[in-house]
Amino acid sequence: MPLAPGDLLKRQQGIRLLILDVDGVLTDGSLFLGDAGEQYKAFSSRDGHGIRMAQDGGLEVAVLTGRNSEVVAHRMRDLGVRHIMQGRRDKGLAVEELLKRSGFTALESAFAGDDVVDLPAMRRVGLGIAVADAHPLVLEHADWQTRAGGGHGAVREICEELLGAQQQLEGILRVYLES
C-alpha cells in the first residue's frame, strides 16, 4: 500500500542504494531475439542519465535481474553501475546477498520492480517502488508508484525524486544551467 506523502519523503531521504529490475523497469519489458538467439533490449537514454545523476548525488545503483544478458552487462558498465546481479530467480535472496556485500542496510535501500517475481525483493528493502505499468499485485504492495512506465522514464523519475528528497537535485541540475 502506498505510503502517505510525509512518510514517503522520510523514507526517500534515507535511501543510499537504489536497486533496479531490468525487464519492465529499465526496459519496457519487450524482448527482441535475433535468428541466432542474440538478445536486444531498448534502454531509455533519459533513464541512463538519471542513473548518472543519482550517482553524482551520492546514491549507489545496482541492477538485479532474473535473466542473463551481455547487453545488460554492457549498458550497466557504460553507466558505471558496479553491482550487477544477473540470472537471479530468487530476488529476495539476491537482495539479502547484495546488502551484505555492499554494507547497506535494508532501510537504506530501495528496489524498483514491475512483476510478481520482484515482490520478495521489494519486501526486503526500506522502499518498494512499482513502475506505473506494473502488475496489479506489485502496485498493491508498493510503497511508492511512479507516474511513468517501465522503459519510459520511470527510472529517471525515481532518481530525480530521491535526489530531490535528499536536497541534491537542484545542485545537480544547476550545473547544466550554468555551463
Protein backbone atom coordinates (compact mmCIF):
# COMPACT_ATOMS: atom_id res chain seq x y z
CA MET A 1 0.00 0.00 0.00
CA PRO A 2 1.41 3.43 -0.93
CA LEU A 3 2.92 5.48 1.87
CA ALA A 4 1.48 8.80 2.97
CA PRO A 5 3.43 11.74 1.45
CA GLY A 6 5.25 12.64 4.69
CA ASP A 7 6.23 9.03 5.34
CA LEU A 8 7.36 8.60 1.74
CA LEU A 9 9.59 11.68 1.94
CA LYS A 10 11.18 10.39 5.14
CA ARG A 11 11.94 7.01 3.53
CA GLN A 12 13.28 8.65 0.35
CA GLN A 13 15.63 10.79 2.41
CA GLY A 14 17.28 7.71 3.90
CA ILE A 15 17.91 5.80 0.67
CA ARG A 16 21.58 5.21 -0.20
CA LEU A 17 21.23 2.16 -2.50
CA LEU A 18 18.81 2.01 -5.44
CA ILE A 19 18.28 -1.49 -6.83
CA LEU A 20 16.59 -1.74 -10.22
CA ASP A 21 14.98 -4.65 -12.02
CA VAL A 22 15.78 -4.66 -15.73
CA ASP A 23 12.96 -6.08 -17.87
CA GLY A 24 9.90 -3.93 -17.27
CA VAL A 25 11.74 -1.23 -15.29
CA LEU A 26 14.87 -0.23 -17.22
CA THR A 27 13.16 -1.50 -20.38
CA ASP A 28 9.50 -1.71 -21.36
CA GLY A 29 9.66 -5.48 -20.92
CA SER A 30 9.91 -6.30 -24.62
CA LEU A 31 12.40 -8.99 -25.56
CA PHE A 32 13.87 -8.82 -29.04
CA LEU A 33 15.58 -12.00 -30.23
CA GLY A 34 17.56 -12.45 -33.43
CA ASP A 35 17.57 -15.61 -35.57
CA ALA A 36 20.79 -16.80 -33.90
CA GLY A 37 19.35 -16.22 -30.41
CA GLU A 38 21.02 -12.87 -29.78
CA GLN A 39 19.16 -10.54 -27.44
CA TYR A 40 18.38 -6.91 -27.99
CA LYS A 41 16.97 -4.52 -25.41
CA ALA A 42 15.96 -0.88 -25.70
CA PHE A 43 17.04 1.35 -22.82
CA SER A 44 15.92 4.94 -22.31
CA SER A 45 18.84 7.36 -22.54
CA ARG A 46 16.96 9.61 -20.09
CA ASP A 47 16.83 6.78 -17.56
CA GLY A 48 20.55 6.30 -18.10
CA HIS A 49 21.20 9.95 -17.38
CA GLY A 50 19.01 9.67 -14.29
CA ILE A 51 21.29 6.88 -13.05
CA ARG A 52 24.35 9.06 -13.65
CA MET A 53 22.71 11.95 -11.78
CA ALA A 54 21.83 9.63 -8.89
CA GLN A 55 25.45 8.51 -8.71
CA ASP A 56 26.61 12.14 -8.83
CA GLY A 57 24.26 12.79 -5.90
CA GLY A 58 25.86 10.06 -3.82
CA LEU A 59 23.50 7.16 -4.46
CA GLU A 60 24.82 3.71 -5.22
CA VAL A 61 22.90 1.98 -8.03
CA ALA A 62 22.54 -1.77 -8.58
CA VAL A 63 20.65 -3.93 -11.07
CA LEU A 64 19.04 -7.26 -10.27
CA THR A 65 17.52 -9.40 -13.00
CA GLY A 66 16.36 -12.95 -13.46
CA ARG A 67 17.84 -13.15 -16.94
CA ASN A 68 21.45 -13.24 -18.12
CA SER A 69 22.30 -10.76 -20.83
CA GLU A 70 25.58 -9.35 -22.09
CA VAL A 71 23.56 -6.36 -23.31
CA VAL A 72 22.62 -5.55 -19.70
CA ALA A 73 26.21 -6.01 -18.51
CA HIS A 74 27.47 -3.73 -21.28
CA ARG A 75 24.90 -0.98 -20.60
CA MET A 76 25.50 -1.05 -16.85
CA ARG A 77 29.28 -0.93 -17.27
CA ASP A 78 28.78 2.05 -19.57
CA LEU A 79 26.79 3.78 -16.82
CA GLY A 80 29.31 2.90 -14.11
CA VAL A 81 26.95 0.60 -12.22
CA ARG A 82 29.16 -1.65 -10.07
CA HIS A 83 26.57 -4.03 -8.65
CA ILE A 84 25.18 -6.19 -11.48
CA MET A 85 23.31 -9.33 -10.41
CA GLN A 86 22.02 -11.40 -13.33
CA GLY A 87 20.38 -14.81 -13.59
CA ARG A 88 18.89 -14.47 -10.10
CA ARG A 89 15.44 -16.02 -9.96
CA ASP A 90 15.23 -15.69 -6.16
CA LYS A 91 15.37 -11.92 -5.97
CA GLY A 92 14.71 -11.81 -2.24
CA LEU A 93 17.81 -13.86 -1.51
CA ALA A 94 19.78 -11.82 -4.05
CA VAL A 95 18.84 -8.57 -2.25
CA GLU A 96 20.00 -10.04 1.07
CA GLU A 97 23.33 -11.00 -0.52
CA LEU A 98 23.70 -7.56 -2.10
CA LEU A 99 23.04 -5.82 1.21
CA LYS A 100 25.65 -7.95 2.99
CA ARG A 101 28.21 -7.42 0.24
CA SER A 102 27.61 -3.67 -0.11
CA GLY A 103 27.28 -2.82 3.57
CA PHE A 104 23.96 -1.02 3.17
CA THR A 105 21.02 -1.79 5.44
CA ALA A 106 17.54 -2.71 4.23
CA LEU A 107 16.22 0.69 5.37
CA GLU A 108 18.87 2.46 3.29
CA SER A 109 17.81 0.52 0.19
CA ALA A 110 15.06 0.82 -2.40
CA PHE A 111 14.01 -1.68 -5.05
CA ALA A 112 12.05 -0.85 -8.21
CA GLY A 113 10.14 -3.67 -9.88
CA ASP A 114 7.21 -4.41 -12.13
CA ASP A 115 6.18 -8.07 -11.80
CA VAL A 116 5.31 -10.59 -9.10
CA VAL A 117 8.83 -12.10 -9.18
CA ASP A 118 10.01 -8.74 -7.79
CA LEU A 119 7.83 -8.85 -4.67
CA PRO A 120 10.32 -10.78 -2.48
CA ALA A 121 12.96 -8.13 -3.25
CA MET A 122 10.55 -5.25 -2.66
CA ARG A 123 9.61 -6.69 0.73
CA ARG A 124 13.25 -6.83 1.91
CA VAL A 125 14.09 -3.15 1.44
CA GLY A 126 13.05 0.09 3.09
CA LEU A 127 11.30 1.43 0.00
CA GLY A 128 9.50 -0.78 -2.51
CA ILE A 129 8.80 1.00 -5.79
CA ALA A 130 6.47 -0.09 -8.59
CA VAL A 131 6.56 1.40 -12.08
CA ALA A 132 3.20 2.73 -13.32
CA ASP A 133 2.51 -0.25 -15.59
CA ALA A 134 3.43 -2.90 -13.02
CA HIS A 135 1.33 -5.98 -12.28
CA PRO A 136 -1.67 -5.10 -10.04
CA LEU A 137 -0.29 -7.15 -7.12
CA VAL A 138 3.00 -5.25 -7.28
CA LEU A 139 1.13 -1.92 -7.36
CA GLU A 140 -0.87 -3.04 -4.33
CA HIS A 141 2.22 -3.89 -2.28
CA ALA A 142 4.47 -1.00 -3.34
CA ASP A 143 5.31 1.86 -1.00
CA TRP A 144 5.51 4.22 -3.97
CA GLN A 145 4.35 4.10 -7.61
CA THR A 146 5.89 6.06 -10.46
CA ARG A 147 3.83 8.04 -12.94
CA ALA A 148 5.95 6.75 -15.86
CA GLY A 149 6.02 3.21 -17.14
CA GLY A 150 8.98 0.89 -17.30
CA GLY A 151 11.46 1.84 -20.02
CA HIS A 152 9.68 5.17 -20.48
CA GLY A 153 11.18 7.41 -17.84
CA ALA A 154 10.29 5.56 -14.63
CA VAL A 155 13.94 5.24 -13.58
CA ARG A 156 14.63 8.92 -14.29
CA GLU A 157 11.58 9.82 -12.21
CA ILE A 158 12.77 7.64 -9.33
CA CYS A 159 16.28 9.12 -9.44
CA GLU A 160 15.03 12.70 -9.53
CA GLU A 161 12.52 12.11 -6.72
CA LEU A 162 15.19 10.55 -4.48
CA LEU A 163 17.66 13.33 -5.27
CA GLY A 164 15.00 15.95 -4.60
CA ALA A 165 14.09 14.40 -1.25
CA GLN A 166 17.78 14.42 -0.34
CA GLN A 167 18.27 18.07 -1.35
CA GLN A 168 20.65 17.09 -4.18
CA LEU A 169 18.59 17.60 -7.35
CA GLU A 170 18.74 21.38 -7.57
CA GLY A 171 22.54 21.45 -7.35
CA ILE A 172 22.90 18.70 -9.95
CA LEU A 173 20.58 20.46 -12.39
CA ARG A 174 22.21 23.83 -11.76
CA VAL A 175 25.39 22.53 -13.41
CA TYR A 176 23.51 22.26 -16.72
CA LEU A 177 22.11 25.77 -16.44
CA GLU A 178 25.47 27.35 -15.66
CA SER A 179 27.60 25.73 -18.34
